[in-house]
């Protein structure tokens, strides 16, 4: 439910909604992209070929561009709160206990 409330693809300036900091967002500021990346990495290992490797690399690049765009919007909408959250929670995934 927290991930559904955080849908930000195509969000414009001033329309970002509340900053979600619970659920999977305690482990990653971008849990949807982490899940998609893990899925594509698994496919690249399960079906090692040029197309699966290219798909994974294209995803990594496009997700990075999307995340940086969203971060600029979130920073302008929730500056102090976003700076605290981004200092506490990694962009991609936290492997240790919070």
PDB file of N, CA and C in Angstrom:
ATOM      1  N   UNK A   1       0.824  -1.186   0.000  1.00  0.00           N
ATOM      2  CA  UNK A   1       0.000   0.000   0.000  1.00  0.00           C
ATOM      3  C   UNK A   1       0.870   1.252   0.000  1.00  0.00           C
ATOM      4  N   UNK A   2       1.986   1.224   0.736  1.00  0.00           N
ATOM      5  CA  UNK A   2       2.839   2.416   0.756  1.00  0.00           C
ATOM      6  C   UNK A   2       3.464   2.652  -0.608  1.00  0.00           C
ATOM      7  N   UNK A   3       3.764   1.588  -1.329  1.00  0.00           N
ATOM      8  CA  UNK A   3       4.344   1.766  -2.657  1.00  0.00           C
ATOM      9  C   UNK A   3       3.325   2.368  -3.613  1.00  0.00           C
ATOM     10  N   UNK A   4       2.071   1.966  -3.523  1.00  0.00           N
ATOM     11  CA  UNK A   4       1.044   2.545  -4.374  1.00  0.00           C
ATOM     12  C   UNK A   4       0.853   4.021  -4.115  1.00  0.00           C
ATOM     13  N   UNK A   5       1.022   4.427  -2.874  1.00  0.00           N
ATOM     14  CA  UNK A   5       0.876   5.836  -2.518  1.00  0.00           C
ATOM     15  C   UNK A   5       2.068   6.665  -2.968  1.00  0.00           C
ATOM     16  N   UNK A   6       3.132   6.016  -3.422  1.00  0.00           N
ATOM     17  CA  UNK A   6       4.339   6.746  -3.793  1.00  0.00           C
ATOM     18  C   UNK A   6       4.531   6.839  -5.290  1.00  0.00           C
ATOM     19  N   UNK A   7       3.581   6.424  -6.071  1.00  0.00           N
ATOM     20  CA  UNK A   7       3.754   6.400  -7.519  1.00  0.00           C
ATOM     21  C   UNK A   7       4.111   7.787  -8.020  1.00  0.00           C
ATOM     22  N   UNK A   8       5.292   7.943  -8.612  1.00  0.00           N
ATOM     23  CA  UNK A   8       5.765   9.265  -8.999  1.00  0.00           C
ATOM     24  C   UNK A   8       6.172   9.355 -10.460  1.00  0.00           C
ATOM     25  N   UNK A   9       6.012   8.325 -11.251  1.00  0.00           N
ATOM     26  CA  UNK A   9       6.417   8.390 -12.647  1.00  0.00           C
ATOM     27  C   UNK A   9       5.591   9.462 -13.348  1.00  0.00           C
ATOM     28  N   UNK A  10       6.257  10.393 -13.971  1.00  0.00           N
ATOM     29  CA  UNK A  10       5.582  11.472 -14.670  1.00  0.00           C
ATOM     30  C   UNK A  10       5.116  12.594 -13.775  1.00  0.00           C
ATOM     31  N   UNK A  11       5.552  12.601 -12.521  1.00  0.00           N
ATOM     32  CA  UNK A  11       5.150  13.649 -11.582  1.00  0.00           C
ATOM     33  C   UNK A  11       5.752  14.977 -12.022  1.00  0.00           C
ATOM     34  N   UNK A  12       4.968  16.017 -11.931  1.00  0.00           N
ATOM     35  CA  UNK A  12       5.452  17.345 -12.291  1.00  0.00           C
ATOM     36  C   UNK A  12       5.782  18.142 -11.044  1.00  0.00           C
ATOM     37  N   UNK A  13       6.498  19.211 -11.249  1.00  0.00           N
ATOM     38  CA  UNK A  13       6.891  20.097 -10.153  1.00  0.00           C
ATOM     39  C   UNK A  13       5.666  20.533  -9.354  1.00  0.00           C
ATOM     40  N   UNK A  14       5.736  20.425  -8.023  1.00  0.00           N
ATOM     41  CA  UNK A  14       4.653  20.870  -7.155  1.00  0.00           C
ATOM     42  C   UNK A  14       3.522  19.871  -6.998  1.00  0.00           C
ATOM     43  N   UNK A  15       3.644  18.672  -7.585  1.00  0.00           N
ATOM     44  CA  UNK A  15       2.561  17.687  -7.523  1.00  0.00           C
ATOM     45  C   UNK A  15       3.090  16.336  -7.049  1.00  0.00           C
ATOM     46  N   UNK A  16       4.023  16.331  -6.103  1.00  0.00           N
ATOM     47  CA  UNK A  16       4.678  15.078  -5.713  1.00  0.00           C
ATOM     48  C   UNK A  16       3.938  14.307  -4.633  1.00  0.00           C
ATOM     49  N   UNK A  17       3.013  14.930  -3.921  1.00  0.00           N
ATOM     50  CA  UNK A  17       2.319  14.235  -2.845  1.00  0.00           C
ATOM     51  C   UNK A  17       3.210  14.097  -1.627  1.00  0.00           C
ATOM     52  N   UNK A  18       2.720  13.346  -0.644  1.00  0.00           N
ATOM     53  CA  UNK A  18       3.470  13.164   0.604  1.00  0.00           C
ATOM     54  C   UNK A  18       4.678  12.268   0.387  1.00  0.00           C
ATOM     55  N   UNK A  19       5.708  12.477   1.175  1.00  0.00           N
ATOM     56  CA  UNK A  19       6.906  11.660   1.133  1.00  0.00           C
ATOM     57  C   UNK A  19       6.650  10.393   1.945  1.00  0.00           C
ATOM     58  N   UNK A  20       6.771   9.223   1.312  1.00  0.00           N
ATOM     59  CA  UNK A  20       6.528   7.939   1.979  1.00  0.00           C
ATOM     60  C   UNK A  20       7.845   7.447   2.574  1.00  0.00           C
ATOM     61  N   UNK A  21       7.843   7.159   3.896  1.00  0.00           N
ATOM     62  CA  UNK A  21       9.075   6.735   4.572  1.00  0.00           C
ATOM     63  C   UNK A  21       8.919   5.417   5.313  1.00  0.00           C
ATOM     64  N   UNK A  22       7.826   4.686   5.116  1.00  0.00           N
ATOM     65  CA  UNK A  22       7.621   3.433   5.842  1.00  0.00           C
ATOM     66  C   UNK A  22       7.557   2.271   4.845  1.00  0.00           C
ATOM     67  N   UNK A  23       7.329   1.072   5.359  1.00  0.00           N
ATOM     68  CA  UNK A  23       7.294  -0.107   4.490  1.00  0.00           C
ATOM     69  C   UNK A  23       8.653  -0.351   3.850  1.00  0.00           C
ATOM     70  N   UNK A  24       8.656  -0.725   2.590  1.00  0.00           N
ATOM     71  CA  UNK A  24       9.910  -0.983   1.888  1.00  0.00           C
ATOM     72  C   UNK A  24      10.764   0.270   1.720  1.00  0.00           C
ATOM     73  N   UNK A  25      10.155   1.430   1.901  1.00  0.00           N
ATOM     74  CA  UNK A  25      10.889   2.681   1.769  1.00  0.00           C
ATOM     75  C   UNK A  25      11.839   2.924   2.945  1.00  0.00           C
ATOM     76  N   UNK A  26      11.814   2.053   3.950  1.00  0.00           N
ATOM     77  CA  UNK A  26      12.819   2.123   5.019  1.00  0.00           C
ATOM     78  C   UNK A  26      14.123   1.492   4.560  1.00  0.00           C
ATOM     79  N   UNK A  27      14.067   0.639   3.525  1.00  0.00           N
ATOM     80  CA  UNK A  27      15.247  -0.065   3.024  1.00  0.00           C
ATOM     81  C   UNK A  27      15.822   0.570   1.769  1.00  0.00           C
ATOM     82  N   UNK A  28      14.984   1.243   1.011  1.00  0.00           N
ATOM     83  CA  UNK A  28      15.404   1.833  -0.254  1.00  0.00           C
ATOM     84  C   UNK A  28      14.495   3.000  -0.595  1.00  0.00           C
ATOM     85  N   UNK A  29      15.082   4.052  -1.167  1.00  0.00           N
ATOM     86  CA  UNK A  29      14.242   5.154  -1.610  1.00  0.00           C
ATOM     87  C   UNK A  29      13.534   4.804  -2.921  1.00  0.00           C
ATOM     88  N   UNK A  30      13.903   3.699  -3.541  1.00  0.00           N
ATOM     89  CA  UNK A  30      13.339   3.290  -4.827  1.00  0.00           C
ATOM     90  C   UNK A  30      13.082   1.782  -4.865  1.00  0.00           C
ATOM     91  N   UNK A  31      12.233   1.258  -3.995  1.00  0.00           N
ATOM     92  CA  UNK A  31      12.071  -0.195  -3.922  1.00  0.00           C
ATOM     93  C   UNK A  31      11.498  -0.827  -5.191  1.00  0.00           C
ATOM     94  N   UNK A  32      10.703  -0.102  -5.944  1.00  0.00           N
ATOM     95  CA  UNK A  32      10.161  -0.662  -7.182  1.00  0.00           C
ATOM     96  C   UNK A  32      11.273  -0.911  -8.179  1.00  0.00           C
ATOM     97  N   UNK A  33      12.160   0.066  -8.338  1.00  0.00           N
ATOM     98  CA  UNK A  33      13.274  -0.112  -9.263  1.00  0.00           C
ATOM     99  C   UNK A  33      14.238  -1.188  -8.779  1.00  0.00           C
ATOM    100  N   UNK A  34      14.424  -1.315  -7.475  1.00  0.00           N
ATOM    101  CA  UNK A  34      15.279  -2.379  -6.940  1.00  0.00           C
ATOM    102  C   UNK A  34      14.705  -3.747  -7.330  1.00  0.00           C
ATOM    103  N   UNK A  35      13.394  -3.925  -7.144  1.00  0.00           N
ATOM    104  CA  UNK A  35      12.753  -5.189  -7.500  1.00  0.00           C
ATOM    105  C   UNK A  35      12.859  -5.488  -8.979  1.00  0.00           C
ATOM    106  N   UNK A  36      12.626  -4.489  -9.811  1.00  0.00           N
ATOM    107  CA  UNK A  36      12.730  -4.685 -11.254  1.00  0.00           C
ATOM    108  C   UNK A  36      14.168  -5.011 -11.658  1.00  0.00           C
ATOM    109  N   UNK A  37      15.129  -4.335 -11.037  1.00  0.00           N
ATOM    110  CA  UNK A  37      16.531  -4.603 -11.337  1.00  0.00           C
ATOM    111  C   UNK A  37      16.947  -6.009 -10.944  1.00  0.00           C
ATOM    112  N   UNK A  38      16.477  -6.456  -9.786  1.00  0.00           N
ATOM    113  CA  UNK A  38      16.790  -7.829  -9.356  1.00  0.00           C
ATOM    114  C   UNK A  38      16.175  -8.860 -10.302  1.00  0.00           C
ATOM    115  N   UNK A  39      14.965  -8.595 -10.742  1.00  0.00           N
ATOM    116  CA  UNK A  39      14.316  -9.492 -11.699  1.00  0.00           C
ATOM    117  C   UNK A  39      15.108  -9.569 -13.004  1.00  0.00           C
ATOM    118  N   UNK A  40      15.505  -8.424 -13.537  1.00  0.00           N
ATOM    119  CA  UNK A  40      16.269  -8.420 -14.785  1.00  0.00           C
ATOM    120  C   UNK A  40      17.657  -9.031 -14.610  1.00  0.00           C
ATOM    121  N   UNK A  41      18.289  -8.811 -13.457  1.00  0.00           N
ATOM    122  CA  UNK A  41      19.588  -9.432 -13.194  1.00  0.00           C
ATOM    123  C   UNK A  41      19.438 -10.953 -13.144  1.00  0.00           C
ATOM    124  N   UNK A  42      18.367 -11.413 -12.507  1.00  0.00           N
ATOM    125  CA  UNK A  42      18.104 -12.857 -12.469  1.00  0.00           C
ATOM    126  C   UNK A  42      17.893 -13.432 -13.855  1.00  0.00           C
ATOM    127  N   UNK A  43      17.185 -12.697 -14.698  1.00  0.00           N
ATOM    128  CA  UNK A  43      16.978 -13.152 -16.082  1.00  0.00           C
ATOM    129  C   UNK A  43      18.311 -13.219 -16.832  1.00  0.00           C
ATOM    130  N   UNK A  44      19.173 -12.233 -16.606  1.00  0.00           N
ATOM    131  CA  UNK A  44      20.467 -12.225 -17.287  1.00  0.00           C
ATOM    132  C   UNK A  44      21.328 -13.414 -16.848  1.00  0.00           C
ATOM    133  N   UNK A  45      21.206 -13.810 -15.574  1.00  0.00           N
ATOM    134  CA  UNK A  45      21.947 -14.990 -15.108  1.00  0.00           C
ATOM    135  C   UNK A  45      21.302 -16.282 -15.579  1.00  0.00           C
ATOM    136  N   UNK A  46      19.978 -16.333 -15.603  1.00  0.00           N
ATOM    137  CA  UNK A  46      19.269 -17.547 -16.006  1.00  0.00           C
ATOM    138  C   UNK A  46      19.349 -17.786 -17.502  1.00  0.00           C
ATOM    139  N   UNK A  47      19.320 -16.719 -18.265  1.00  0.00           N
ATOM    140  CA  UNK A  47      19.369 -16.815 -19.726  1.00  0.00           C
ATOM    141  C   UNK A  47      20.495 -15.904 -20.212  1.00  0.00           C
ATOM    142  N   UNK A  48      21.730 -16.337 -20.015  1.00  0.00           N
ATOM    143  CA  UNK A  48      22.842 -15.470 -20.386  1.00  0.00           C
ATOM    144  C   UNK A  48      22.927 -15.299 -21.911  1.00  0.00           C
ATOM    145  N   UNK A  49      22.678 -14.093 -22.354  1.00  0.00           N
ATOM    146  CA  UNK A  49      22.770 -13.772 -23.776  1.00  0.00           C
ATOM    147  C   UNK A  49      22.950 -12.270 -23.909  1.00  0.00           C
ATOM    148  N   UNK A  50      23.307 -11.848 -25.086  1.00  0.00           N
ATOM    149  CA  UNK A  50      23.492 -10.421 -25.329  1.00  0.00           C
ATOM    150  C   UNK A  50      22.194  -9.643 -25.086  1.00  0.00           C
ATOM    151  N   UNK A  51      21.035 -10.111 -25.594  1.00  0.00           N
ATOM    152  CA  UNK A  51      19.807  -9.343 -25.357  1.00  0.00           C
ATOM    153  C   UNK A  51      19.442  -9.193 -23.871  1.00  0.00           C
ATOM    154  N   UNK A  52      19.616 -10.238 -23.060  1.00  0.00           N
ATOM    155  CA  UNK A  52      19.261 -10.097 -21.643  1.00  0.00           C
ATOM    156  C   UNK A  52      20.243  -9.171 -20.924  1.00  0.00           C
ATOM    157  N   UNK A  53      21.503  -9.219 -21.291  1.00  0.00           N
ATOM    158  CA  UNK A  53      22.482  -8.318 -20.694  1.00  0.00           C
ATOM    159  C   UNK A  53      22.205  -6.871 -21.113  1.00  0.00           C
ATOM    160  N   UNK A  54      21.887  -6.668 -22.377  1.00  0.00           N
ATOM    161  CA  UNK A  54      21.567  -5.327 -22.862  1.00  0.00           C
ATOM    162  C   UNK A  54      20.307  -4.803 -22.162  1.00  0.00           C
ATOM    163  N   UNK A  55      19.301  -5.656 -22.000  1.00  0.00           N
ATOM    164  CA  UNK A  55      18.069  -5.231 -21.316  1.00  0.00           C
ATOM    165  C   UNK A  55      18.374  -4.781 -19.889  1.00  0.00           C
ATOM    166  N   UNK A  56      19.221  -5.517 -19.196  1.00  0.00           N
ATOM    167  CA  UNK A  56      19.596  -5.144 -17.829  1.00  0.00           C
ATOM    168  C   UNK A  56      20.340  -3.806 -17.809  1.00  0.00           C
ATOM    169  N   UNK A  57      21.278  -3.624 -18.712  1.00  0.00           N
ATOM    170  CA  UNK A  57      22.043  -2.377 -18.755  1.00  0.00           C
ATOM    171  C   UNK A  57      21.162  -1.183 -19.135  1.00  0.00           C
ATOM    172  N   UNK A  58      20.255  -1.374 -20.082  1.00  0.00           N
ATOM    173  CA  UNK A  58      19.335  -0.301 -20.460  1.00  0.00           C
ATOM    174  C   UNK A  58      18.446   0.067 -19.275  1.00  0.00           C
ATOM    175  N   UNK A  59      17.987  -0.940 -18.546  1.00  0.00           N
ATOM    176  CA  UNK A  59      17.173  -0.669 -17.358  1.00  0.00           C
ATOM    177  C   UNK A  59      17.955   0.146 -16.333  1.00  0.00           C
ATOM    178  N   UNK A  60      19.180  -0.261 -16.036  1.00  0.00           N
ATOM    179  CA  UNK A  60      19.998   0.439 -15.038  1.00  0.00           C
ATOM    180  C   UNK A  60      20.172   1.902 -15.423  1.00  0.00           C
ATOM    181  N   UNK A  61      20.474   2.154 -16.673  1.00  0.00           N
ATOM    182  CA  UNK A  61      20.673   3.534 -17.127  1.00  0.00           C
ATOM    183  C   UNK A  61      19.373   4.319 -17.050  1.00  0.00           C
ATOM    184  N   UNK A  62      18.285   3.756 -17.571  1.00  0.00           N
ATOM    185  CA  UNK A  62      17.019   4.499 -17.587  1.00  0.00           C
ATOM    186  C   UNK A  62      16.462   4.694 -16.173  1.00  0.00           C
ATOM    187  N   UNK A  63      16.614   3.706 -15.301  1.00  0.00           N
ATOM    188  CA  UNK A  63      16.155   3.858 -13.917  1.00  0.00           C
ATOM    189  C   UNK A  63      16.963   4.936 -13.205  1.00  0.00           C
ATOM    190  N   UNK A  64      18.247   4.990 -13.458  1.00  0.00           N
ATOM    191  CA  UNK A  64      19.090   6.013 -12.831  1.00  0.00           C
ATOM    192  C   UNK A  64      18.675   7.415 -13.263  1.00  0.00           C
ATOM    193  N   UNK A  65      18.376   7.571 -14.541  1.00  0.00           N
ATOM    194  CA  UNK A  65      17.920   8.872 -15.037  1.00  0.00           C
ATOM    195  C   UNK A  65      16.584   9.237 -14.392  1.00  0.00           C
ATOM    196  N   UNK A  66      15.646   8.281 -14.347  1.00  0.00           N
ATOM    197  CA  UNK A  66      14.332   8.529 -13.757  1.00  0.00           C
ATOM    198  C   UNK A  66      14.448   8.887 -12.277  1.00  0.00           C
ATOM    199  N   UNK A  67      15.278   8.158 -11.548  1.00  0.00           N
ATOM    200  CA  UNK A  67      15.439   8.387 -10.111  1.00  0.00           C
ATOM    201  C   UNK A  67      16.011   9.775  -9.845  1.00  0.00           C
ATOM    202  N   UNK A  68      17.005  10.168 -10.604  1.00  0.00           N
ATOM    203  CA  UNK A  68      17.592  11.498 -10.397  1.00  0.00           C
ATOM    204  C   UNK A  68      16.594  12.612 -10.710  1.00  0.00           C
ATOM    205  N   UNK A  69      15.763  12.406 -11.712  1.00  0.00           N
ATOM    206  CA  UNK A  69      14.710  13.380 -12.023  1.00  0.00           C
ATOM    207  C   UNK A  69      13.718  13.480 -10.873  1.00  0.00           C
ATOM    208  N   UNK A  70      13.276  12.330 -10.361  1.00  0.00           N
ATOM    209  CA  UNK A  70      12.341  12.319  -9.237  1.00  0.00           C
ATOM    210  C   UNK A  70      12.959  12.945  -7.997  1.00  0.00           C
ATOM    211  N   UNK A  71      14.241  12.685  -7.775  1.00  0.00           N
ATOM    212  CA  UNK A  71      14.901  13.240  -6.598  1.00  0.00           C
ATOM    213  C   UNK A  71      14.919  14.765  -6.630  1.00  0.00           C
ATOM    214  N   UNK A  72      15.146  15.344  -7.796  1.00  0.00           N
ATOM    215  CA  UNK A  72      15.125  16.816  -7.899  1.00  0.00           C
ATOM    216  C   UNK A  72      13.744  17.360  -7.544  1.00  0.00           C
ATOM    217  N   UNK A  73      12.694  16.689  -8.013  1.00  0.00           N
ATOM    218  CA  UNK A  73      11.324  17.135  -7.728  1.00  0.00           C
ATOM    219  C   UNK A  73      11.020  16.979  -6.241  1.00  0.00           C
ATOM    220  N   UNK A  74      11.376  15.831  -5.667  1.00  0.00           N
ATOM    221  CA  UNK A  74      11.126  15.600  -4.242  1.00  0.00           C
ATOM    222  C   UNK A  74      11.922  16.569  -3.368  1.00  0.00           C
ATOM    223  N   UNK A  75      13.138  16.850  -3.767  1.00  0.00           N
ATOM    224  CA  UNK A  75      13.963  17.787  -2.996  1.00  0.00           C
ATOM    225  C   UNK A  75      13.342  19.174  -2.996  1.00  0.00           C
ATOM    226  N   UNK A  76      12.806  19.593  -4.124  1.00  0.00           N
ATOM    227  CA  UNK A  76      12.198  20.928  -4.167  1.00  0.00           C
ATOM    228  C   UNK A  76      10.875  20.966  -3.398  1.00  0.00           C
ATOM    229  N   UNK A  77      10.165  19.842  -3.331  1.00  0.00           N
ATOM    230  CA  UNK A  77       8.865  19.809  -2.655  1.00  0.00           C
ATOM    231  C   UNK A  77       8.983  19.558  -1.152  1.00  0.00           C
ATOM    232  N   UNK A  78      10.001  18.807  -0.733  1.00  0.00           N
ATOM    233  CA  UNK A  78      10.144  18.389   0.670  1.00  0.00           C
ATOM    234  C   UNK A  78      11.597  18.545   1.108  1.00  0.00           C
ATOM    235  N   UNK A  79      12.182  19.690   0.918  1.00  0.00           N
ATOM    236  CA  UNK A  79      13.630  19.832   1.050  1.00  0.00           C
ATOM    237  C   UNK A  79      14.207  19.285   2.352  1.00  0.00           C
ATOM    238  N   UNK A  80      13.795  19.805   3.494  1.00  0.00           N
ATOM    239  CA  UNK A  80      14.392  19.378   4.764  1.00  0.00           C
ATOM    240  C   UNK A  80      14.104  17.904   5.043  1.00  0.00           C
ATOM    241  N   UNK A  81      12.857  17.487   4.869  1.00  0.00           N
ATOM    242  CA  UNK A  81      12.486  16.096   5.131  1.00  0.00           C
ATOM    243  C   UNK A  81      13.200  15.148   4.175  1.00  0.00           C
ATOM    244  N   UNK A  82      13.293  15.518   2.896  1.00  0.00           N
ATOM    245  CA  UNK A  82      13.948  14.649   1.919  1.00  0.00           C
ATOM    246  C   UNK A  82      15.443  14.536   2.197  1.00  0.00           C
ATOM    247  N   UNK A  83      16.072  15.627   2.586  1.00  0.00           N
ATOM    248  CA  UNK A  83      17.511  15.575   2.904  1.00  0.00           C
ATOM    249  C   UNK A  83      17.775  14.632   4.086  1.00  0.00           C
ATOM    250  N   UNK A  84      16.921  14.688   5.125  1.00  0.00           N
ATOM    251  CA  UNK A  84      17.077  13.773   6.268  1.00  0.00           C
ATOM    252  C   UNK A  84      16.888  12.325   5.828  1.00  0.00           C
ATOM    253  N   UNK A  85      15.828  12.080   5.068  1.00  0.00           N
ATOM    254  CA  UNK A  85      15.512  10.718   4.618  1.00  0.00           C
ATOM    255  C   UNK A  85      16.620  10.170   3.721  1.00  0.00           C
ATOM    256  N   UNK A  86      17.103  10.976   2.787  1.00  0.00           N
ATOM    257  CA  UNK A  86      18.144  10.496   1.880  1.00  0.00           C
ATOM    258  C   UNK A  86      19.470  10.261   2.609  1.00  0.00           C
ATOM    259  N   UNK A  87      19.674  10.939   3.723  1.00  0.00           N
ATOM    260  CA  UNK A  87      20.870  10.674   4.532  1.00  0.00           C
ATOM    261  C   UNK A  87      20.743   9.363   5.294  1.00  0.00           C
ATOM    262  N   UNK A  88      19.513   8.957   5.619  1.00  0.00           N
ATOM    263  CA  UNK A  88      19.255   7.735   6.392  1.00  0.00           C
ATOM    264  C   UNK A  88      19.094   6.500   5.522  1.00  0.00           C
ATOM    265  N   UNK A  89      18.487   6.653   4.352  1.00  0.00           N
ATOM    266  CA  UNK A  89      18.105   5.507   3.513  1.00  0.00           C
ATOM    267  C   UNK A  89      18.812   5.604   2.166  1.00  0.00           C
ATOM    268  N   UNK A  90      19.479   4.527   1.736  1.00  0.00           N
ATOM    269  CA  UNK A  90      20.197   4.578   0.469  1.00  0.00           C
ATOM    270  C   UNK A  90      19.256   4.666  -0.737  1.00  0.00           C
ATOM    271  N   UNK A  91      19.798   5.149  -1.828  1.00  0.00           N
ATOM    272  CA  UNK A  91      19.022   5.290  -3.048  1.00  0.00           C
ATOM    273  C   UNK A  91      18.517   3.926  -3.529  1.00  0.00           C
ATOM    274  N   UNK A  92      19.357   2.904  -3.465  1.00  0.00           N
ATOM    275  CA  UNK A  92      18.958   1.610  -4.028  1.00  0.00           C
ATOM    276  C   UNK A  92      18.550   0.602  -2.970  1.00  0.00           C
ATOM    277  N   UNK A  93      19.431   0.159  -2.090  1.00  0.00           N
ATOM    278  CA  UNK A  93      19.001  -0.844  -1.090  1.00  0.00           C
ATOM    279  C   UNK A  93      19.962  -0.855   0.096  1.00  0.00           C
ATOM    280  N   UNK A  94      19.393  -1.080   1.263  1.00  0.00           N
ATOM    281  CA  UNK A  94      20.176  -1.221   2.482  1.00  0.00           C
ATOM    282  C   UNK A  94      20.249  -2.719   2.784  1.00  0.00           C
ATOM    283  N   UNK A  95      21.460  -3.215   2.909  1.00  0.00           N
ATOM    284  CA  UNK A  95      21.639  -4.643   3.163  1.00  0.00           C
ATOM    285  C   UNK A  95      21.762  -4.953   4.649  1.00  0.00           C
ATOM    286  N   UNK A  96      22.052  -3.948   5.463  1.00  0.00           N
ATOM    287  CA  UNK A  96      22.146  -4.170   6.895  1.00  0.00           C
ATOM    288  C   UNK A  96      20.880  -3.679   7.584  1.00  0.00           C
ATOM    289  N   UNK A  97      20.732  -4.048   8.849  1.00  0.00           N
ATOM    290  CA  UNK A  97      19.546  -3.634   9.608  1.00  0.00           C
ATOM    291  C   UNK A  97      19.590  -2.130   9.856  1.00  0.00           C
ATOM    292  N   UNK A  98      18.428  -1.459   9.761  1.00  0.00           N
ATOM    293  CA  UNK A  98      18.401  -0.018  10.019  1.00  0.00           C
ATOM    294  C   UNK A  98      18.630   0.296  11.478  1.00  0.00           C
TER     295      UNK A  98
END
